[in-house]
Amino acid sequence: MTSLSAALTGLRTVRRDTVRRLAGLPPETVTRSAPWRGATSDVRFLLLRLADDDLMRTVRLQIGLAGVGHAPTEAHRILAATATVRGRLMGSLIGLAEDGFEQGWGDNEWSVRRVLGHIVATDRRYLIGTRYAVERARSGGTGPLRPPDSALPDRQGLAESEGTMAEVVARMAAMHDERIAALAGLGAADLDAPTNWMLWDLDVRFRLYRFTEHDREHLVQLRKTYSAIDAVPTEPQRILEEAAAARGGLEALVIGLEDGTTAADRAIAILAEAAESEREITDTVIKAMG
């Protein structure tokens, strides 16, 4: 039986192939005729199906999981929001060329490379801080609220920004999966654990929300950067960005599921269905290109 991890890996592999094959479509080709369900539609509609179909599968999976008694915890729900926003952020990179990835602009403004490196480093810092707070609370709640600075990577993320664009993006994805795996098991008492963020003494619950909030802050920054460097996405690229956001929402539902359970089996089946459907849509679009 396929594991949940393998199903996710397979689905992500299909999406990378989809982006590779479709992100460069000339905008004028979206009106070309293409078949759908025994009638004629167009390429634009088929591209939009990538997000629309994932939305439908998300609802089906929500219903299916509830039907077998799966109830996501508060930590699962917070991390699900993180997965959705991360999907939107990663989707915004579709169509960005290597020179745009490197291009600086304005006074004290970061290139896309620097923004992504900072995001990876901050994810690591947040994860270390969250784990420290949970372990501190579980062991009696004594000692400083924060881990020592020496235990944290530099927030600038220079080391994390090194490599090709593909390598940096892969580093972001790996860090995202690591934080989900590390934090999905937190219980209600863990979320109440005291911690410190910046100038404020708060709780671990707030720290979990910070993953999403930090991504949202830098998604805005990235969009500002794209505008400044004239990295304007085409219509097909904008549609693929929406598909990435929808895919993040679908992946969010598998957080906390365990292999060998009925809930995981239902999720695996839907992920496999999504992969097969996406391959068919991509092949149909390519065929419509002639």
Protein backbone atom coordinates (compact mmCIF):
# COMPACT_ATOMS: atom_id res chain seq x y z
CA MET A 1 0.00 0.00 0.00
CA THR A 2 1.28 3.45 -0.90
CA SER A 3 2.24 5.60 2.08
CA LEU A 4 0.91 9.10 2.59
CA SER A 5 4.42 10.50 2.13
CA ALA A 6 4.82 8.64 -1.17
CA ALA A 7 1.44 9.86 -2.38
CA LEU A 8 2.38 13.46 -1.60
CA THR A 9 5.76 13.07 -3.29
CA GLY A 10 4.11 11.63 -6.38
CA LEU A 11 1.58 14.45 -6.55
CA ARG A 12 4.29 17.09 -6.16
CA THR A 13 6.34 15.45 -8.89
CA VAL A 14 3.36 15.69 -11.23
CA ARG A 15 2.90 19.38 -10.37
CA ARG A 16 6.55 20.17 -11.10
CA ASP A 17 6.12 18.52 -14.49
CA THR A 18 2.91 20.48 -15.08
CA VAL A 19 4.65 23.78 -14.36
CA ARG A 20 7.62 22.80 -16.54
CA ARG A 21 5.33 21.99 -19.47
CA LEU A 22 2.71 24.73 -19.14
CA ALA A 23 4.24 27.81 -17.52
CA GLY A 24 5.72 28.91 -20.83
CA LEU A 25 2.49 28.77 -22.83
CA PRO A 26 2.02 31.90 -24.94
CA PRO A 27 -0.89 33.90 -23.49
CA GLU A 28 -2.73 33.99 -26.80
CA THR A 29 -3.03 30.19 -26.81
CA VAL A 30 -5.49 30.09 -23.89
CA THR A 31 -8.41 30.51 -26.33
CA ARG A 32 -7.49 27.44 -28.38
CA SER A 33 -10.11 24.72 -28.46
CA ALA A 34 -9.61 21.75 -26.15
CA PRO A 35 -11.92 18.86 -25.26
CA TRP A 36 -13.52 18.44 -21.86
CA ARG A 37 -16.01 15.74 -20.89
CA GLY A 38 -17.07 14.93 -24.41
CA ALA A 39 -17.57 18.50 -25.60
CA THR A 40 -15.36 21.39 -26.67
CA SER A 41 -13.99 24.00 -24.30
CA ASP A 42 -10.69 25.89 -24.41
CA VAL A 43 -7.20 25.81 -22.91
CA ARG A 44 -8.00 28.53 -20.37
CA PHE A 45 -10.82 26.44 -18.93
CA LEU A 46 -8.63 23.34 -18.69
CA LEU A 47 -5.88 25.27 -16.90
CA LEU A 48 -8.46 26.61 -14.44
CA ARG A 49 -9.58 23.02 -13.76
CA LEU A 50 -6.30 22.43 -11.91
CA ALA A 51 -7.44 24.70 -9.06
CA ASP A 52 -11.16 23.99 -9.43
CA ASP A 53 -10.69 20.22 -9.27
CA ASP A 54 -8.44 20.51 -6.22
CA LEU A 55 -11.10 22.61 -4.50
CA MET A 56 -13.68 19.90 -5.20
CA ARG A 57 -11.32 17.22 -3.91
CA THR A 58 -10.62 19.28 -0.80
CA VAL A 59 -14.32 19.37 0.05
CA ARG A 60 -14.71 15.67 -0.70
CA LEU A 61 -11.75 14.83 1.51
CA GLN A 62 -13.06 17.02 4.33
CA ILE A 63 -16.36 15.15 4.21
CA GLY A 64 -14.64 11.78 3.94
CA LEU A 65 -12.34 12.42 6.89
CA ALA A 66 -15.21 13.60 9.05
CA GLY A 67 -17.14 10.49 8.05
CA VAL A 68 -14.49 8.20 9.51
CA GLY A 69 -14.23 10.20 12.71
CA HIS A 70 -11.08 12.17 11.99
CA ALA A 71 -11.10 15.45 13.90
CA PRO A 72 -8.11 17.74 13.31
CA THR A 73 -6.57 19.21 16.43
CA GLU A 74 -6.05 22.92 16.95
CA ALA A 75 -2.40 22.50 15.95
CA HIS A 76 -3.48 20.71 12.76
CA ARG A 77 -5.83 23.56 11.87
CA ILE A 78 -3.19 26.24 12.44
CA LEU A 79 -0.61 24.32 10.40
CA ALA A 80 -3.21 23.80 7.66
CA ALA A 81 -3.45 27.56 7.27
CA THR A 82 0.33 27.62 7.00
CA ALA A 83 0.23 25.07 4.16
CA THR A 84 -2.37 27.08 2.26
CA VAL A 85 -0.47 30.36 2.42
CA ARG A 86 2.80 28.61 1.57
CA GLY A 87 1.12 27.23 -1.55
CA ARG A 88 0.19 30.76 -2.58
CA LEU A 89 3.72 32.01 -1.91
CA MET A 90 5.34 29.21 -3.90
CA GLY A 91 2.85 29.75 -6.71
CA SER A 92 3.90 33.39 -6.99
CA LEU A 93 7.33 32.21 -8.16
CA ILE A 94 5.94 30.47 -11.25
CA GLY A 95 7.38 32.05 -14.36
CA LEU A 96 10.13 33.97 -12.56
CA ALA A 97 13.36 33.77 -14.54
CA GLU A 98 16.80 33.26 -13.00
CA ASP A 99 17.79 36.86 -13.70
CA GLY A 100 14.66 38.07 -11.92
CA PHE A 101 15.51 35.80 -9.00
CA GLU A 102 18.84 37.61 -8.65
CA GLN A 103 17.76 41.17 -9.47
CA GLY A 104 18.04 43.75 -6.74
CA TRP A 105 16.10 47.01 -6.69
CA GLY A 106 15.77 50.19 -4.65
CA ASP A 107 17.62 51.13 -1.49
CA ASN A 108 17.89 48.33 1.06
CA GLU A 109 15.41 46.16 -0.85
CA TRP A 110 16.12 42.44 -1.13
CA SER A 111 16.17 40.34 -4.28
CA VAL A 112 13.82 37.37 -4.45
CA ARG A 113 16.81 35.16 -3.59
CA ARG A 114 17.39 37.07 -0.36
CA VAL A 115 13.71 37.02 0.59
CA LEU A 116 13.50 33.25 0.18
CA GLY A 117 16.71 32.69 2.14
CA HIS A 118 15.33 34.82 4.96
CA ILE A 119 12.07 32.83 4.94
CA VAL A 120 13.97 29.54 5.30
CA ALA A 121 16.13 30.91 8.11
CA THR A 122 13.12 32.34 9.93
CA ASP A 123 11.24 29.05 9.61
CA ARG A 124 14.22 27.40 11.27
CA ARG A 125 14.37 30.03 14.00
CA TYR A 126 10.64 29.74 14.69
CA LEU A 127 10.83 25.96 14.80
CA ILE A 128 13.74 26.00 17.25
CA GLY A 129 11.95 28.55 19.44
CA THR A 130 8.70 26.58 19.42
CA ARG A 131 10.36 23.28 20.27
CA TYR A 132 12.34 24.94 23.04
CA ALA A 133 9.20 26.43 24.59
CA VAL A 134 7.35 23.10 24.47
CA GLU A 135 10.26 21.16 25.98
CA ARG A 136 10.70 23.84 28.65
CA ALA A 137 7.04 23.62 29.66
CA ARG A 138 7.02 19.82 29.63
CA SER A 139 10.08 19.70 31.90
CA GLY A 140 8.71 22.04 34.58
CA GLY A 141 8.77 25.51 33.05
CA THR A 142 12.05 26.82 34.45
CA GLY A 143 14.80 28.75 32.71
CA PRO A 144 14.74 31.50 30.07
CA LEU A 145 11.71 31.78 27.79
CA ARG A 146 13.92 31.89 24.70
CA PRO A 147 16.65 29.57 23.49
CA PRO A 148 20.14 31.12 23.43
CA ASP A 149 20.95 33.19 20.36
CA SER A 150 23.81 30.81 19.63
CA ALA A 151 21.22 28.08 18.93
CA LEU A 152 19.49 30.14 16.24
CA PRO A 153 20.54 30.68 12.61
CA ASP A 154 21.12 34.23 11.47
CA ARG A 155 17.77 35.73 10.51
CA GLN A 156 19.20 37.26 7.33
CA GLY A 157 19.39 33.80 5.77
CA LEU A 158 22.51 34.34 3.67
CA ALA A 159 23.54 30.70 3.85
CA GLU A 160 19.98 29.56 3.15
CA SER A 161 19.83 31.74 0.02
CA GLU A 162 22.84 30.08 -1.65
CA GLY A 163 22.46 27.88 -4.74
CA THR A 164 20.34 27.91 -7.86
CA MET A 165 16.74 29.09 -7.77
CA ALA A 166 15.58 25.47 -7.92
CA GLU A 167 17.81 24.56 -4.98
CA VAL A 168 16.56 27.44 -2.83
CA VAL A 169 12.92 26.62 -3.63
CA ALA A 170 13.55 22.95 -2.78
CA ARG A 171 15.13 24.07 0.52
CA MET A 172 11.97 26.03 1.31
CA ALA A 173 9.78 23.01 0.58
CA ALA A 174 11.92 20.72 2.73
CA MET A 175 11.83 23.19 5.62
CA HIS A 176 8.05 23.44 5.33
CA ASP A 177 7.70 19.65 5.54
CA GLU A 178 10.08 19.52 8.49
CA ARG A 179 8.13 22.05 10.52
CA ILE A 180 4.81 20.32 9.77
CA ALA A 181 6.21 16.95 10.86
CA ALA A 182 7.75 18.42 14.00
CA LEU A 183 4.72 20.37 15.19
CA ALA A 184 1.65 18.40 14.06
CA GLY A 185 1.65 16.37 17.27
CA LEU A 186 1.36 19.33 19.65
CA GLY A 187 -1.53 19.11 22.06
CA ALA A 188 -3.64 21.78 23.74
CA ALA A 189 -1.30 22.05 26.74
CA ASP A 190 1.68 22.50 24.43
CA LEU A 191 -0.05 25.42 22.69
CA ASP A 192 -0.51 27.11 26.06
CA ALA A 193 3.21 26.89 26.84
CA PRO A 194 4.75 30.31 27.49
CA THR A 195 7.33 31.68 25.09
CA ASN A 196 8.79 34.95 23.90
CA TRP A 197 8.64 36.54 20.48
CA MET A 198 10.41 39.83 19.84
CA LEU A 199 9.37 42.13 22.73
CA TRP A 200 6.38 40.11 23.88
CA ASP A 201 5.81 37.17 26.21
CA LEU A 202 3.15 35.06 24.49
CA ASP A 203 2.36 31.36 24.01
CA VAL A 204 3.26 28.61 21.57
CA ARG A 205 -0.13 28.99 19.88
CA PHE A 206 0.92 32.48 18.76
CA ARG A 207 4.22 31.08 17.52
CA LEU A 208 2.43 28.56 15.32
CA TYR A 209 0.39 31.33 13.75
CA ARG A 210 3.60 33.26 13.09
CA PHE A 211 4.63 30.75 10.42
CA THR A 212 1.61 31.76 8.35
CA GLU A 213 1.85 35.44 9.20
CA HIS A 214 5.51 35.59 8.22
CA ASP A 215 4.82 33.96 4.86
CA ARG A 216 2.01 36.42 4.23
CA GLU A 217 4.26 39.38 5.05
CA HIS A 218 6.86 38.23 2.56
CA LEU A 219 4.35 37.28 -0.11
CA VAL A 220 3.39 40.95 -0.11
CA GLN A 221 7.09 41.87 -0.28
CA LEU A 222 7.66 39.46 -3.17
CA ARG A 223 4.76 40.90 -5.14
CA LYS A 224 6.16 44.37 -4.58
CA THR A 225 9.50 43.12 -5.86
CA TYR A 226 7.98 41.46 -8.95
CA SER A 227 6.37 44.79 -9.84
CA ALA A 228 9.60 46.74 -9.31
CA ILE A 229 11.64 44.43 -11.55
CA ASP A 230 8.89 44.12 -14.20
CA ALA A 231 8.45 40.39 -13.62
CA VAL A 232 4.85 40.34 -14.80
CA PRO A 233 3.33 36.83 -15.03
CA THR A 234 1.44 35.74 -18.12
CA GLU A 235 -2.17 34.58 -17.90
CA PRO A 236 -1.18 30.88 -17.89
CA GLN A 237 1.30 31.60 -15.10
CA ARG A 238 -1.34 33.43 -13.06
CA ILE A 239 -3.67 30.47 -13.43
CA LEU A 240 -0.92 28.09 -12.33
CA GLU A 241 -0.33 30.33 -9.30
CA GLU A 242 -3.98 29.87 -8.34
CA ALA A 243 -3.54 26.13 -8.78
CA ALA A 244 -0.61 26.21 -6.34
CA ALA A 245 -2.77 27.95 -3.74
CA ALA A 246 -5.53 25.37 -4.16
CA ARG A 247 -3.01 22.53 -3.95
CA GLY A 248 -1.74 23.95 -0.66
CA GLY A 249 -5.29 23.74 0.68
CA LEU A 250 -5.61 20.10 -0.39
CA GLU A 251 -2.25 19.13 1.11
CA ALA A 252 -3.23 20.88 4.34
CA LEU A 253 -5.90 18.24 4.99
CA VAL A 254 -3.40 15.40 5.31
CA ILE A 255 -1.59 17.03 8.26
CA GLY A 256 -1.78 14.73 11.25
CA LEU A 257 -3.01 11.67 9.34
CA GLU A 258 -1.24 8.38 10.12
CA ASP A 259 -0.50 5.61 7.65
CA GLY A 260 -2.59 2.50 8.12
CA THR A 261 -5.72 4.38 9.16
CA THR A 262 -8.91 4.64 7.14
CA ALA A 263 -8.49 8.42 7.13
CA ALA A 264 -5.02 8.16 5.57
CA ASP A 265 -6.24 5.62 3.01
CA ARG A 266 -8.97 8.04 1.88
CA ALA A 267 -6.45 10.85 1.56
CA ILE A 268 -4.02 8.66 -0.40
CA ALA A 269 -6.77 7.72 -2.86
CA ILE A 270 -7.69 11.35 -3.48
CA LEU A 271 -4.06 12.41 -3.89
CA ALA A 272 -3.56 9.64 -6.45
CA GLU A 273 -6.72 10.72 -8.26
CA ALA A 274 -5.44 14.32 -8.32
CA ALA A 275 -2.13 13.24 -9.82
CA GLU A 276 -3.78 11.18 -12.57
CA SER A 277 -6.28 13.92 -13.41
CA GLU A 278 -3.55 16.54 -13.60
CA ARG A 279 -1.48 14.43 -15.97
CA GLU A 280 -4.52 14.07 -18.23
CA ILE A 281 -5.22 17.82 -18.21
CA THR A 282 -1.59 18.65 -18.98
CA ASP A 283 -1.45 16.15 -21.82
CA THR A 284 -4.70 17.51 -23.26
CA VAL A 285 -3.41 21.09 -23.18
CA ILE A 286 -0.14 20.11 -24.84
CA LYS A 287 -2.06 18.24 -27.55
CA ALA A 288 -4.18 21.35 -28.13
CA MET A 289 -0.98 23.27 -28.78
CA GLY A 290 -0.42 21.07 -31.82
